[in-house]
Amino acid sequence: MNSGISTNSIMRQIVIMLDTPVKLILIVMLVISLILVGGLIAELLERKYLQVKAASVIDAIKKGDNDVTTIIKNSSLLIKQKRLLLELTIHKSLSNEMKENFATSLLDNYNQNLDWTIKKTDLIIKLGPTFGLLGTLIPLGPGIIALSQGDTATLSYSLLAAFDTTVIGLIAGSICAVISMIRRRWYAKDRIMLTLIMEAVLESECKGDKNEK
């Protein structure tokens, strides 16, 4: 009997100690979510007409009016995309097969970075509701005790705290769910776009090698 009471007391103390950290984590996740919204808006402005710009780069490379490196540098692609494409043009001494393998490697690394960006928001999608549920259940203990003692003030406070944490967790998770959905659509187009540009670059360099011979 004493052992059971002692165990329950220990668990109760652990739960009480988790109350403040859980609420702080929820607040941090909400703040991060709002910051990510700002980042999404900035990214939206940066990506304006990106597909059209990419198409013009492909056309310019295929026409061959300018050096591929110059075309990429003067393009309106994203900075990280320019770096990726310029990295492909640096290694002139590689064979065509090696260049194709190198292009695949660069694209894989780029895709991993995109996936990592999405995973950040995916983490909050999962953890937001989870910590919201924790924040809901933790105050219910004191609330139930207050109910048994007829202390409606404490009961009301406990229920209010429980509802607040649930709402914050759901808001953070919902915001990040929308961000992840939008970025997945953007990045899927980016992968196709970069693959097409890389193919145009490799095709142009293959023609240049043949002309030199």
N, C-alpha and C. Protein backbone atom coordinates (compact mmCIF):
# COMPACT_ATOMS: atom_id res chain seq x y z
N MET A 1 0.84 -1.21 0.00
CA MET A 1 0.00 0.00 0.00
C MET A 1 0.87 1.25 0.00
N ASN A 2 1.85 1.29 0.93
CA ASN A 2 2.76 2.44 1.01
C ASN A 2 3.58 2.59 -0.26
N SER A 3 3.96 1.40 -0.82
CA SER A 3 4.76 1.42 -2.05
C SER A 3 3.97 2.05 -3.19
N GLY A 4 2.66 1.70 -3.26
CA GLY A 4 1.80 2.24 -4.30
C GLY A 4 1.64 3.74 -4.15
N ILE A 5 1.46 4.20 -2.91
CA ILE A 5 1.30 5.63 -2.64
C ILE A 5 2.58 6.37 -2.99
N SER A 6 3.73 5.76 -2.62
CA SER A 6 5.02 6.38 -2.89
C SER A 6 5.27 6.51 -4.39
N THR A 7 4.94 5.44 -5.14
CA THR A 7 5.12 5.46 -6.59
C THR A 7 4.24 6.52 -7.23
N ASN A 8 3.00 6.60 -6.80
CA ASN A 8 2.08 7.61 -7.34
C ASN A 8 2.57 9.02 -7.04
N SER A 9 3.13 9.20 -5.84
CA SER A 9 3.66 10.52 -5.47
C SER A 9 4.84 10.91 -6.35
N ILE A 10 5.71 9.95 -6.62
CA ILE A 10 6.87 10.21 -7.48
C ILE A 10 6.41 10.59 -8.89
N MET A 11 5.45 9.81 -9.42
CA MET A 11 4.94 10.11 -10.76
C MET A 11 4.26 11.47 -10.81
N ARG A 12 3.54 11.80 -9.73
CA ARG A 12 2.86 13.10 -9.67
C ARG A 12 3.86 14.24 -9.68
N GLN A 13 4.95 14.06 -8.95
CA GLN A 13 6.00 15.09 -8.90
C GLN A 13 6.68 15.26 -10.26
N ILE A 14 6.89 14.12 -10.95
CA ILE A 14 7.51 14.18 -12.28
C ILE A 14 6.61 14.95 -13.24
N VAL A 15 5.31 14.64 -13.18
CA VAL A 15 4.35 15.31 -14.06
C VAL A 15 4.29 16.80 -13.76
N ILE A 16 4.30 17.17 -12.48
CA ILE A 16 4.27 18.58 -12.08
C ILE A 16 5.51 19.30 -12.61
N MET A 17 6.69 18.63 -12.52
CA MET A 17 7.92 19.24 -13.02
C MET A 17 7.91 19.43 -14.53
N LEU A 18 7.14 18.60 -15.24
CA LEU A 18 7.08 18.71 -16.69
C LEU A 18 6.16 19.83 -17.16
N ASP A 19 5.33 20.33 -16.26
CA ASP A 19 4.32 21.32 -16.65
C ASP A 19 4.94 22.55 -17.31
N THR A 20 5.88 23.19 -16.63
CA THR A 20 6.50 24.41 -17.17
C THR A 20 7.32 24.15 -18.44
N PRO A 21 8.18 23.10 -18.49
CA PRO A 21 8.92 22.84 -19.73
C PRO A 21 8.01 22.59 -20.93
N VAL A 22 6.91 21.88 -20.73
CA VAL A 22 5.99 21.59 -21.83
C VAL A 22 5.40 22.88 -22.37
N LYS A 23 4.99 23.76 -21.47
CA LYS A 23 4.41 25.05 -21.90
C LYS A 23 5.44 25.90 -22.62
N LEU A 24 6.68 25.90 -22.12
CA LEU A 24 7.75 26.67 -22.78
C LEU A 24 8.03 26.13 -24.18
N ILE A 25 8.06 24.81 -24.31
CA ILE A 25 8.31 24.19 -25.61
C ILE A 25 7.20 24.56 -26.59
N LEU A 26 5.96 24.57 -26.12
CA LEU A 26 4.83 24.94 -26.97
C LEU A 26 4.95 26.39 -27.45
N ILE A 27 5.34 27.26 -26.55
CA ILE A 27 5.52 28.67 -26.92
C ILE A 27 6.64 28.82 -27.95
N VAL A 28 7.74 28.10 -27.72
CA VAL A 28 8.87 28.15 -28.66
C VAL A 28 8.45 27.63 -30.04
N MET A 29 7.69 26.53 -30.07
CA MET A 29 7.23 25.98 -31.34
C MET A 29 6.30 26.95 -32.06
N LEU A 30 5.46 27.64 -31.31
CA LEU A 30 4.57 28.63 -31.92
C LEU A 30 5.37 29.79 -32.52
N VAL A 31 6.37 30.25 -31.77
CA VAL A 31 7.22 31.35 -32.27
C VAL A 31 7.97 30.91 -33.52
N ILE A 32 8.53 29.70 -33.50
CA ILE A 32 9.24 29.18 -34.67
C ILE A 32 8.31 29.09 -35.88
N SER A 33 7.08 28.65 -35.63
CA SER A 33 6.10 28.54 -36.71
C SER A 33 5.83 29.89 -37.35
N LEU A 34 5.69 30.92 -36.52
CA LEU A 34 5.44 32.27 -37.04
C LEU A 34 6.65 32.81 -37.81
N ILE A 35 7.85 32.49 -37.31
CA ILE A 35 9.07 32.88 -38.02
C ILE A 35 9.14 32.19 -39.39
N LEU A 36 8.74 30.92 -39.41
CA LEU A 36 8.74 30.15 -40.66
C LEU A 36 7.75 30.72 -41.67
N VAL A 37 6.66 31.28 -41.18
CA VAL A 37 5.69 31.94 -42.07
C VAL A 37 6.36 33.13 -42.76
N GLY A 38 7.12 33.91 -41.98
CA GLY A 38 7.87 35.03 -42.57
C GLY A 38 8.88 34.54 -43.60
N GLY A 39 9.56 33.43 -43.29
CA GLY A 39 10.52 32.86 -44.23
C GLY A 39 9.85 32.37 -45.50
N LEU A 40 8.65 31.82 -45.35
CA LEU A 40 7.89 31.34 -46.51
C LEU A 40 7.50 32.50 -47.43
N ILE A 41 7.07 33.59 -46.83
CA ILE A 41 6.69 34.78 -47.62
C ILE A 41 7.90 35.32 -48.38
N ALA A 42 9.05 35.40 -47.67
CA ALA A 42 10.29 35.88 -48.32
C ALA A 42 10.68 34.94 -49.47
N GLU A 43 10.54 33.64 -49.25
CA GLU A 43 10.87 32.67 -50.28
C GLU A 43 9.92 32.79 -51.47
N LEU A 44 8.65 33.07 -51.18
CA LEU A 44 7.65 33.25 -52.23
C LEU A 44 8.03 34.42 -53.15
N LEU A 45 8.45 35.52 -52.55
CA LEU A 45 8.86 36.69 -53.33
C LEU A 45 10.12 36.40 -54.14
N GLU A 46 11.02 35.63 -53.55
CA GLU A 46 12.28 35.29 -54.22
C GLU A 46 12.04 34.35 -55.42
N ARG A 47 11.00 33.52 -55.28
CA ARG A 47 10.74 32.51 -56.31
C ARG A 47 9.79 33.00 -57.40
N LYS A 48 9.44 34.26 -57.39
CA LYS A 48 8.47 34.80 -58.36
C LYS A 48 8.96 34.58 -59.80
N TYR A 49 8.11 33.95 -60.59
CA TYR A 49 8.40 33.65 -62.00
C TYR A 49 9.65 32.78 -62.16
N LEU A 50 9.96 31.96 -61.17
CA LEU A 50 11.18 31.14 -61.21
C LEU A 50 11.14 30.14 -62.37
N GLN A 51 9.99 29.53 -62.60
CA GLN A 51 9.88 28.54 -63.68
C GLN A 51 10.11 29.19 -65.05
N VAL A 52 9.60 30.41 -65.20
CA VAL A 52 9.80 31.14 -66.46
C VAL A 52 11.28 31.48 -66.64
N LYS A 53 11.92 31.89 -65.56
CA LYS A 53 13.35 32.22 -65.60
C LYS A 53 14.18 30.98 -65.95
N ALA A 54 13.79 29.85 -65.39
CA ALA A 54 14.50 28.60 -65.66
C ALA A 54 14.37 28.22 -67.14
N ALA A 55 13.17 28.39 -67.67
CA ALA A 55 12.93 28.07 -69.09
C ALA A 55 13.80 28.95 -69.99
N SER A 56 13.96 30.22 -69.63
CA SER A 56 14.80 31.13 -70.43
C SER A 56 16.27 30.72 -70.37
N VAL A 57 16.69 30.20 -69.21
CA VAL A 57 18.08 29.72 -69.07
C VAL A 57 18.31 28.53 -69.98
N ILE A 58 17.36 27.59 -69.99
CA ILE A 58 17.48 26.41 -70.85
C ILE A 58 17.54 26.82 -72.33
N ASP A 59 16.68 27.74 -72.72
CA ASP A 59 16.68 28.23 -74.11
C ASP A 59 18.01 28.88 -74.48
N ALA A 60 18.54 29.70 -73.56
CA ALA A 60 19.81 30.40 -73.82
C ALA A 60 20.96 29.40 -73.95
N ILE A 61 20.95 28.36 -73.12
CA ILE A 61 22.02 27.35 -73.17
C ILE A 61 21.95 26.58 -74.48
N LYS A 62 20.74 26.23 -74.90
CA LYS A 62 20.57 25.44 -76.14
C LYS A 62 20.92 26.25 -77.39
N LYS A 63 20.63 27.55 -77.34
CA LYS A 63 20.98 28.41 -78.47
C LYS A 63 22.49 28.58 -78.59
N GLY A 64 23.18 28.57 -77.44
CA GLY A 64 24.64 28.64 -77.44
C GLY A 64 25.20 29.99 -77.82
N ASP A 65 24.40 31.04 -77.65
CA ASP A 65 24.88 32.38 -77.99
C ASP A 65 25.96 32.87 -77.02
N ASN A 66 25.93 32.34 -75.80
CA ASN A 66 26.88 32.75 -74.76
C ASN A 66 27.48 31.54 -74.09
N ASP A 67 28.56 31.76 -73.36
CA ASP A 67 29.16 30.70 -72.56
C ASP A 67 28.17 30.27 -71.47
N VAL A 68 28.12 28.96 -71.19
CA VAL A 68 27.17 28.41 -70.21
C VAL A 68 27.35 29.06 -68.85
N THR A 69 28.60 29.22 -68.43
CA THR A 69 28.89 29.84 -67.13
C THR A 69 28.35 31.26 -67.06
N THR A 70 28.52 32.00 -68.13
CA THR A 70 28.02 33.39 -68.17
C THR A 70 26.50 33.42 -68.09
N ILE A 71 25.85 32.51 -68.82
CA ILE A 71 24.38 32.44 -68.82
C ILE A 71 23.86 32.18 -67.41
N ILE A 72 24.49 31.24 -66.72
CA ILE A 72 24.04 30.88 -65.36
C ILE A 72 24.27 32.03 -64.40
N LYS A 73 25.45 32.67 -64.50
CA LYS A 73 25.76 33.79 -63.59
C LYS A 73 24.80 34.96 -63.79
N ASN A 74 24.43 35.22 -65.02
CA ASN A 74 23.55 36.35 -65.32
C ASN A 74 22.06 36.02 -65.17
N SER A 75 21.76 34.78 -64.88
CA SER A 75 20.36 34.36 -64.76
C SER A 75 19.75 34.86 -63.45
N SER A 76 18.42 34.74 -63.35
CA SER A 76 17.70 35.15 -62.14
C SER A 76 17.29 33.95 -61.28
N LEU A 77 18.03 32.87 -61.42
CA LEU A 77 17.76 31.69 -60.59
C LEU A 77 18.13 31.98 -59.13
N LEU A 78 17.72 31.12 -58.22
CA LEU A 78 18.09 31.28 -56.82
C LEU A 78 19.59 31.09 -56.66
N ILE A 79 20.16 31.75 -55.67
CA ILE A 79 21.61 31.72 -55.46
C ILE A 79 22.12 30.28 -55.28
N LYS A 80 21.40 29.48 -54.48
CA LYS A 80 21.84 28.11 -54.23
C LYS A 80 21.77 27.27 -55.50
N GLN A 81 20.82 27.60 -56.38
CA GLN A 81 20.72 26.88 -57.65
C GLN A 81 21.85 27.29 -58.60
N LYS A 82 22.20 28.55 -58.59
CA LYS A 82 23.33 29.02 -59.41
C LYS A 82 24.63 28.33 -58.98
N ARG A 83 24.83 28.26 -57.66
CA ARG A 83 26.05 27.61 -57.15
C ARG A 83 26.12 26.16 -57.60
N LEU A 84 25.00 25.49 -57.55
CA LEU A 84 24.95 24.09 -57.95
C LEU A 84 25.31 23.93 -59.43
N LEU A 85 24.72 24.75 -60.27
CA LEU A 85 24.97 24.66 -61.70
C LEU A 85 26.38 25.09 -62.08
N LEU A 86 26.88 26.11 -61.39
CA LEU A 86 28.25 26.57 -61.65
C LEU A 86 29.26 25.51 -61.24
N GLU A 87 28.96 24.79 -60.17
CA GLU A 87 29.83 23.70 -59.73
C GLU A 87 29.95 22.63 -60.82
N LEU A 88 28.86 22.44 -61.56
CA LEU A 88 28.87 21.45 -62.64
C LEU A 88 29.74 21.89 -63.81
N THR A 89 29.83 23.20 -64.03
CA THR A 89 30.58 23.71 -65.19
C THR A 89 32.08 23.88 -64.90
N ILE A 90 32.47 23.81 -63.63
CA ILE A 90 33.88 24.06 -63.27
C ILE A 90 34.79 22.96 -63.78
N HIS A 91 34.35 21.70 -63.63
CA HIS A 91 35.24 20.56 -63.88
C HIS A 91 35.23 20.20 -65.37
N LYS A 92 36.00 20.92 -66.13
CA LYS A 92 36.06 20.75 -67.59
C LYS A 92 36.80 19.48 -68.00
N SER A 93 37.71 19.02 -67.15
CA SER A 93 38.56 17.89 -67.53
C SER A 93 37.87 16.53 -67.38
N LEU A 94 36.70 16.50 -66.75
CA LEU A 94 36.00 15.23 -66.55
C LEU A 94 35.43 14.72 -67.86
N SER A 95 35.36 13.39 -67.97
CA SER A 95 34.73 12.79 -69.14
C SER A 95 33.22 13.01 -69.07
N ASN A 96 32.54 12.76 -70.18
CA ASN A 96 31.09 12.97 -70.21
C ASN A 96 30.36 12.09 -69.20
N GLU A 97 30.81 10.86 -69.09
CA GLU A 97 30.19 9.93 -68.14
C GLU A 97 30.41 10.40 -66.70
N MET A 98 31.62 10.86 -66.42
CA MET A 98 31.93 11.36 -65.08
C MET A 98 31.14 12.62 -64.76
N LYS A 99 30.94 13.47 -65.78
CA LYS A 99 30.14 14.68 -65.57
C LYS A 99 28.69 14.34 -65.24
N GLU A 100 28.15 13.32 -65.89
CA GLU A 100 26.78 12.88 -65.61
C GLU A 100 26.66 12.35 -64.19
N ASN A 101 27.65 11.57 -63.78
CA ASN A 101 27.64 11.04 -62.41
C ASN A 101 27.79 12.17 -61.39
N PHE A 102 28.62 13.14 -61.73
CA PHE A 102 28.83 14.28 -60.84
C PHE A 102 27.54 15.11 -60.73
N ALA A 103 26.86 15.28 -61.87
CA ALA A 103 25.59 16.01 -61.87
C ALA A 103 24.55 15.30 -60.99
N THR A 104 24.51 13.98 -61.08
CA THR A 104 23.58 13.19 -60.25
C THR A 104 23.89 13.37 -58.77
N SER A 105 25.20 13.37 -58.45
CA SER A 105 25.62 13.56 -57.06
C SER A 105 25.24 14.94 -56.54
N LEU A 106 25.46 15.96 -57.36
CA LEU A 106 25.10 17.33 -56.96
C LEU A 106 23.59 17.46 -56.73
N LEU A 107 22.82 16.84 -57.62
CA LEU A 107 21.36 16.91 -57.51
C LEU A 107 20.87 16.17 -56.27
N ASP A 108 21.51 15.04 -55.97
CA ASP A 108 21.14 14.27 -54.76
C ASP A 108 21.39 15.09 -53.50
N ASN A 109 22.54 15.78 -53.46
CA ASN A 109 22.86 16.62 -52.29
C ASN A 109 21.86 17.77 -52.16
N TYR A 110 21.50 18.34 -53.30
CA TYR A 110 20.53 19.44 -53.31
C TYR A 110 19.18 18.95 -52.80
N ASN A 111 18.77 17.76 -53.25
CA ASN A 111 17.50 17.18 -52.81
C ASN A 111 17.49 16.88 -51.31
N GLN A 112 18.64 16.44 -50.81
CA GLN A 112 18.75 16.16 -49.37
C GLN A 112 18.57 17.44 -48.55
N ASN A 113 19.14 18.53 -49.04
CA ASN A 113 18.98 19.82 -48.35
C ASN A 113 17.52 20.27 -48.36
N LEU A 114 16.84 20.06 -49.49
CA LEU A 114 15.42 20.41 -49.57
C LEU A 114 14.61 19.55 -48.61
N ASP A 115 14.93 18.25 -48.58
CA ASP A 115 14.21 17.34 -47.67
C ASP A 115 14.42 17.73 -46.21
N TRP A 116 15.64 18.16 -45.88
CA TRP A 116 15.94 18.57 -44.51
C TRP A 116 15.14 19.81 -44.13
N THR A 117 14.97 20.72 -45.07
CA THR A 117 14.17 21.93 -44.82
C THR A 117 12.73 21.56 -44.51
N ILE A 118 12.19 20.60 -45.25
CA ILE A 118 10.80 20.17 -45.02
C ILE A 118 10.68 19.39 -43.71
N LYS A 119 11.71 18.63 -43.37
CA LYS A 119 11.66 17.83 -42.13
C LYS A 119 11.55 18.70 -40.88
N LYS A 120 12.09 19.91 -40.95
CA LYS A 120 12.01 20.82 -39.80
C LYS A 120 10.55 21.13 -39.47
N THR A 121 9.77 21.44 -40.50
CA THR A 121 8.36 21.74 -40.27
C THR A 121 7.57 20.46 -39.97
N ASP A 122 7.97 19.35 -40.60
CA ASP A 122 7.30 18.08 -40.32
C ASP A 122 7.44 17.69 -38.85
N LEU A 123 8.59 18.05 -38.25
CA LEU A 123 8.81 17.73 -36.84
C LEU A 123 7.81 18.46 -35.95
N ILE A 124 7.57 19.74 -36.26
CA ILE A 124 6.61 20.52 -35.47
C ILE A 124 5.18 20.02 -35.70
N ILE A 125 4.91 19.54 -36.92
CA ILE A 125 3.59 18.97 -37.21
C ILE A 125 3.29 17.81 -36.26
N LYS A 126 4.31 17.00 -35.99
CA LYS A 126 4.14 15.84 -35.10
C LYS A 126 4.19 16.23 -33.63
N LEU A 127 5.16 17.10 -33.29
CA LEU A 127 5.38 17.42 -31.87
C LEU A 127 4.37 18.43 -31.33
N GLY A 128 3.86 19.32 -32.19
CA GLY A 128 2.91 20.34 -31.73
C GLY A 128 1.69 19.74 -31.03
N PRO A 129 0.92 18.89 -31.73
CA PRO A 129 -0.22 18.25 -31.08
C PRO A 129 0.16 17.35 -29.90
N THR A 130 1.35 16.71 -30.00
CA THR A 130 1.78 15.83 -28.91
C THR A 130 2.01 16.61 -27.62
N PHE A 131 2.76 17.71 -27.73
CA PHE A 131 2.99 18.53 -26.54
C PHE A 131 1.71 19.26 -26.11
N GLY A 132 0.85 19.55 -27.08
CA GLY A 132 -0.45 20.13 -26.74
C GLY A 132 -1.27 19.18 -25.89
N LEU A 133 -1.21 17.88 -26.24
CA LEU A 133 -1.93 16.87 -25.46
C LEU A 133 -1.32 16.73 -24.07
N LEU A 134 0.02 16.77 -24.01
CA LEU A 134 0.69 16.71 -22.69
C LEU A 134 0.26 17.89 -21.83
N GLY A 135 0.25 19.08 -22.45
CA GLY A 135 -0.16 20.27 -21.72
C GLY A 135 -1.62 20.23 -21.30
N THR A 136 -2.41 19.44 -22.00
CA THR A 136 -3.82 19.27 -21.64
C THR A 136 -3.98 18.33 -20.45
N LEU A 137 -3.24 17.24 -20.48
CA LEU A 137 -3.41 16.20 -19.45
C LEU A 137 -2.78 16.58 -18.11
N ILE A 138 -1.65 17.30 -18.16
CA ILE A 138 -0.94 17.62 -16.91
C ILE A 138 -1.80 18.42 -15.94
N PRO A 139 -2.51 19.49 -16.37
CA PRO A 139 -3.32 20.26 -15.40
C PRO A 139 -4.59 19.55 -14.94
N LEU A 140 -4.95 18.46 -15.64
CA LEU A 140 -6.19 17.78 -15.27
C LEU A 140 -6.10 17.10 -13.91
N GLY A 141 -4.87 16.71 -13.51
CA GLY A 141 -4.68 16.09 -12.19
C GLY A 141 -5.11 17.02 -11.07
N PRO A 142 -4.50 18.21 -10.98
CA PRO A 142 -4.95 19.17 -9.96
C PRO A 142 -6.42 19.56 -10.13
N GLY A 143 -6.89 19.58 -11.38
CA GLY A 143 -8.28 19.93 -11.63
C GLY A 143 -9.24 18.91 -11.04
N ILE A 144 -8.90 17.63 -11.19
CA ILE A 144 -9.75 16.57 -10.63
C ILE A 144 -9.75 16.63 -9.11
N ILE A 145 -8.58 16.89 -8.52
CA ILE A 145 -8.49 17.02 -7.05
C ILE A 145 -9.33 18.20 -6.58
N ALA A 146 -9.24 19.32 -7.31
CA ALA A 146 -10.03 20.51 -6.95
C ALA A 146 -11.52 20.23 -7.06
N LEU A 147 -11.92 19.45 -8.08
CA LEU A 147 -13.33 19.10 -8.25
C LEU A 147 -13.85 18.30 -7.06
N SER A 148 -13.01 17.36 -6.58
CA SER A 148 -13.42 16.54 -5.43
C SER A 148 -13.54 17.37 -4.15
N GLN A 149 -12.82 18.48 -4.11
CA GLN A 149 -12.84 19.34 -2.93
C GLN A 149 -13.82 20.52 -3.08
N GLY A 150 -14.46 20.58 -4.24
CA GLY A 150 -15.42 21.65 -4.48
C GLY A 150 -14.76 22.99 -4.79
N ASP A 151 -13.48 22.96 -5.16
CA ASP A 151 -12.73 24.19 -5.49
C ASP A 151 -12.90 24.50 -6.97
N THR A 152 -13.97 25.19 -7.30
CA THR A 152 -14.27 25.45 -8.72
C THR A 152 -13.28 26.43 -9.37
N ALA A 153 -12.68 27.31 -8.56
CA ALA A 153 -11.72 28.28 -9.11
C ALA A 153 -10.49 27.56 -9.65
N THR A 154 -9.92 26.64 -8.86
CA THR A 154 -8.76 25.86 -9.30
C THR A 154 -9.11 24.98 -10.48
N LEU A 155 -10.33 24.40 -10.43
CA LEU A 155 -10.78 23.55 -11.54
C LEU A 155 -10.87 24.36 -12.83
N SER A 156 -11.43 25.55 -12.76
CA SER A 156 -11.55 26.41 -13.95
C SER A 156 -10.19 26.79 -14.50
N TYR A 157 -9.25 27.11 -13.60
CA TYR A 157 -7.90 27.48 -14.02
C TYR A 157 -7.21 26.30 -14.72
N SER A 158 -7.38 25.11 -14.14
CA SER A 158 -6.75 23.91 -14.72
C SER A 158 -7.31 23.61 -16.10
N LEU A 159 -8.63 23.72 -16.25
CA LEU A 159 -9.25 23.46 -17.56
C LEU A 159 -8.84 24.51 -18.59
N LEU A 160 -8.73 25.76 -18.15
CA LEU A 160 -8.31 26.83 -19.05
C LEU A 160 -6.88 26.59 -19.55
N ALA A 161 -6.00 26.20 -18.64
CA ALA A 161 -4.61 25.90 -19.01
C ALA A 161 -4.56 24.72 -19.98
N ALA A 162 -5.41 23.73 -19.72
CA ALA A 162 -5.45 22.55 -20.59
C ALA A 162 -5.89 22.92 -22.00
N PHE A 163 -6.93 23.73 -22.11
CA PHE A 163 -7.42 24.14 -23.42
C PHE A 163 -6.41 25.03 -24.15
N ASP A 164 -5.75 25.91 -23.43
CA ASP A 164 -4.77 26.82 -24.04
C ASP A 164 -3.63 26.06 -24.68
N THR A 165 -3.10 25.08 -23.98
CA THR A 165 -1.97 24.31 -24.51
C THR A 165 -2.39 23.50 -25.74
N THR A 166 -3.61 22.97 -25.71
CA THR A 166 -4.11 22.22 -26.86
C THR A 166 -4.19 23.13 -28.09
N VAL A 167 -4.75 24.31 -27.88
CA VAL A 167 -4.91 25.26 -28.99
C VAL A 167 -3.55 25.67 -29.56
N ILE A 168 -2.59 25.99 -28.70
CA ILE A 168 -1.26 26.42 -29.17
C ILE A 168 -0.58 25.30 -29.94
N GLY A 169 -0.67 24.07 -29.44
CA GLY A 169 -0.07 22.93 -30.13
C GLY A 169 -0.68 22.70 -31.49
N LEU A 170 -2.00 22.83 -31.59
CA LEU A 170 -2.68 22.63 -32.87
C LEU A 170 -2.37 23.76 -33.85
N ILE A 171 -2.29 24.99 -33.35
CA ILE A 171 -1.96 26.13 -34.23
C ILE A 171 -0.56 25.95 -34.82
N ALA A 172 0.42 25.63 -33.96
CA ALA A 172 1.80 25.44 -34.43
C ALA A 172 1.87 24.31 -35.46
N GLY A 173 1.19 23.19 -35.16
CA GLY A 173 1.19 22.06 -36.09
C GLY A 173 0.50 22.39 -37.41
N SER A 174 -0.61 23.13 -37.34
CA SER A 174 -1.37 23.48 -38.55
C SER A 174 -0.58 24.43 -39.44
N ILE A 175 0.07 25.42 -38.83
CA ILE A 175 0.89 26.37 -39.61
C ILE A 175 1.98 25.63 -40.36
N CYS A 176 2.66 24.74 -39.65
CA CYS A 176 3.77 24.00 -40.27
C CYS A 176 3.28 23.01 -41.32
N ALA A 177 2.06 22.48 -41.14
CA ALA A 177 1.49 21.57 -42.13
C ALA A 177 1.27 22.30 -43.45
N VAL A 178 0.79 23.53 -43.38
CA VAL A 178 0.58 24.34 -44.60
C VAL A 178 1.92 24.67 -45.25
N ILE A 179 2.91 25.05 -44.41
CA ILE A 179 4.24 25.39 -44.94
C ILE A 179 4.87 24.19 -45.64
N SER A 180 4.78 23.01 -45.01
CA SER A 180 5.34 21.79 -45.61
C SER A 180 4.66 21.46 -46.93
N MET A 181 3.35 21.63 -46.98
CA MET A 181 2.60 21.32 -48.20
C MET A 181 3.04 22.24 -49.35
N ILE A 182 3.17 23.53 -49.06
CA ILE A 182 3.57 24.49 -50.09
C ILE A 182 4.99 24.22 -50.56
N ARG A 183 5.89 23.98 -49.61
CA ARG A 183 7.29 23.74 -49.98
C ARG A 183 7.48 22.43 -50.74
N ARG A 184 6.73 21.42 -50.40
CA ARG A 184 6.82 20.16 -51.15
C ARG A 184 6.48 20.39 -52.62
N ARG A 185 5.45 21.18 -52.86
CA ARG A 185 5.05 21.48 -54.24
C ARG A 185 6.13 22.29 -54.95
N TRP A 186 6.69 23.29 -54.26
CA TRP A 186 7.76 24.10 -54.85
C TRP A 186 8.97 23.26 -55.18
N TYR A 187 9.40 22.46 -54.20
CA TYR A 187 10.65 21.72 -54.34
C TYR A 187 10.53 20.59 -55.36
N ALA A 188 9.33 20.04 -55.52
CA ALA A 188 9.13 19.03 -56.56
C ALA A 188 9.37 19.64 -57.94
N LYS A 189 8.89 20.87 -58.14
CA LYS A 189 9.12 21.59 -59.40
C LYS A 189 10.59 21.94 -59.56
N ASP A 190 11.24 22.30 -58.45
CA ASP A 190 12.67 22.64 -58.49
C ASP A 190 13.50 21.45 -58.98
N ARG A 191 13.17 20.26 -58.49
CA ARG A 191 13.93 19.07 -58.87
C ARG A 191 13.84 18.82 -60.37
N ILE A 192 12.63 18.94 -60.90
CA ILE A 192 12.44 18.75 -62.35
C ILE A 192 13.18 19.84 -63.13
N MET A 193 13.04 21.08 -62.65
CA MET A 193 13.66 22.23 -63.32
C MET A 193 15.18 22.09 -63.37
N LEU A 194 15.79 21.76 -62.24
CA LEU A 194 17.25 21.64 -62.19
C LEU A 194 17.74 20.46 -63.02
N THR A 195 16.98 19.38 -63.04
CA THR A 195 17.35 18.23 -63.87
C THR A 195 17.39 18.63 -65.34
N LEU A 196 16.39 19.41 -65.78
CA LEU A 196 16.35 19.85 -67.18
C LEU A 196 17.50 20.80 -67.50
N ILE A 197 17.81 21.71 -66.58
CA ILE A 197 18.92 22.65 -66.81
C ILE A 197 20.24 21.90 -66.86
N MET A 198 20.42 20.95 -65.96
CA MET A 198 21.66 20.16 -65.95
C MET A 198 21.82 19.37 -67.23
N GLU A 199 20.72 18.82 -67.71
CA GLU A 199 20.78 18.09 -68.98
C GLU A 199 21.19 19.02 -70.12
N ALA A 200 20.65 20.24 -70.10
CA ALA A 200 21.02 21.22 -71.13
C ALA A 200 22.50 21.59 -71.02
N VAL A 201 23.00 21.76 -69.80
CA VAL A 201 24.42 22.09 -69.57
C VAL A 201 25.31 20.97 -70.09
N LEU A 202 24.97 19.73 -69.72
CA LEU A 202 25.78 18.58 -70.14
C LEU A 202 25.75 18.41 -71.66
N GLU A 203 24.57 18.62 -72.25
CA GLU A 203 24.45 18.52 -73.70
C GLU A 203 25.29 19.58 -74.40
N SER A 204 25.29 20.79 -73.84
CA SER A 204 26.07 21.88 -74.41
C SER A 204 27.56 21.60 -74.33
N GLU A 205 28.00 21.06 -73.18
CA GLU A 205 29.42 20.77 -73.00
C GLU A 205 29.87 19.61 -73.87
N CYS A 206 28.96 18.64 -74.09
CA CYS A 206 29.29 17.53 -74.98
C CYS A 206 29.50 18.02 -76.41
N LYS A 207 28.65 18.96 -76.83
CA LYS A 207 28.80 19.54 -78.17
C LYS A 207 30.10 20.32 -78.28
N GLY A 208 30.43 21.04 -77.17
CA GLY A 208 31.68 21.81 -77.17
C GLY A 208 32.90 20.91 -77.28
N ASP A 209 32.85 19.76 -76.60
CA ASP A 209 33.96 18.81 -76.66
C ASP A 209 34.13 18.24 -78.07
N LYS A 210 32.98 17.96 -78.72
CA LYS A 210 33.04 17.42 -80.08
C LYS A 210 33.60 18.43 -81.06
N ASN A 211 33.19 19.70 -80.87
CA ASN A 211 33.67 20.77 -81.76
C ASN A 211 35.18 20.97 -81.62
N GLU A 212 35.67 20.82 -80.39
CA GLU A 212 37.11 20.97 -80.15
C GLU A 212 37.89 19.88 -80.83
N LYS A 213 37.29 18.68 -80.85
CA LYS A 213 37.95 17.55 -81.51
C LYS A 213 37.94 17.72 -83.03
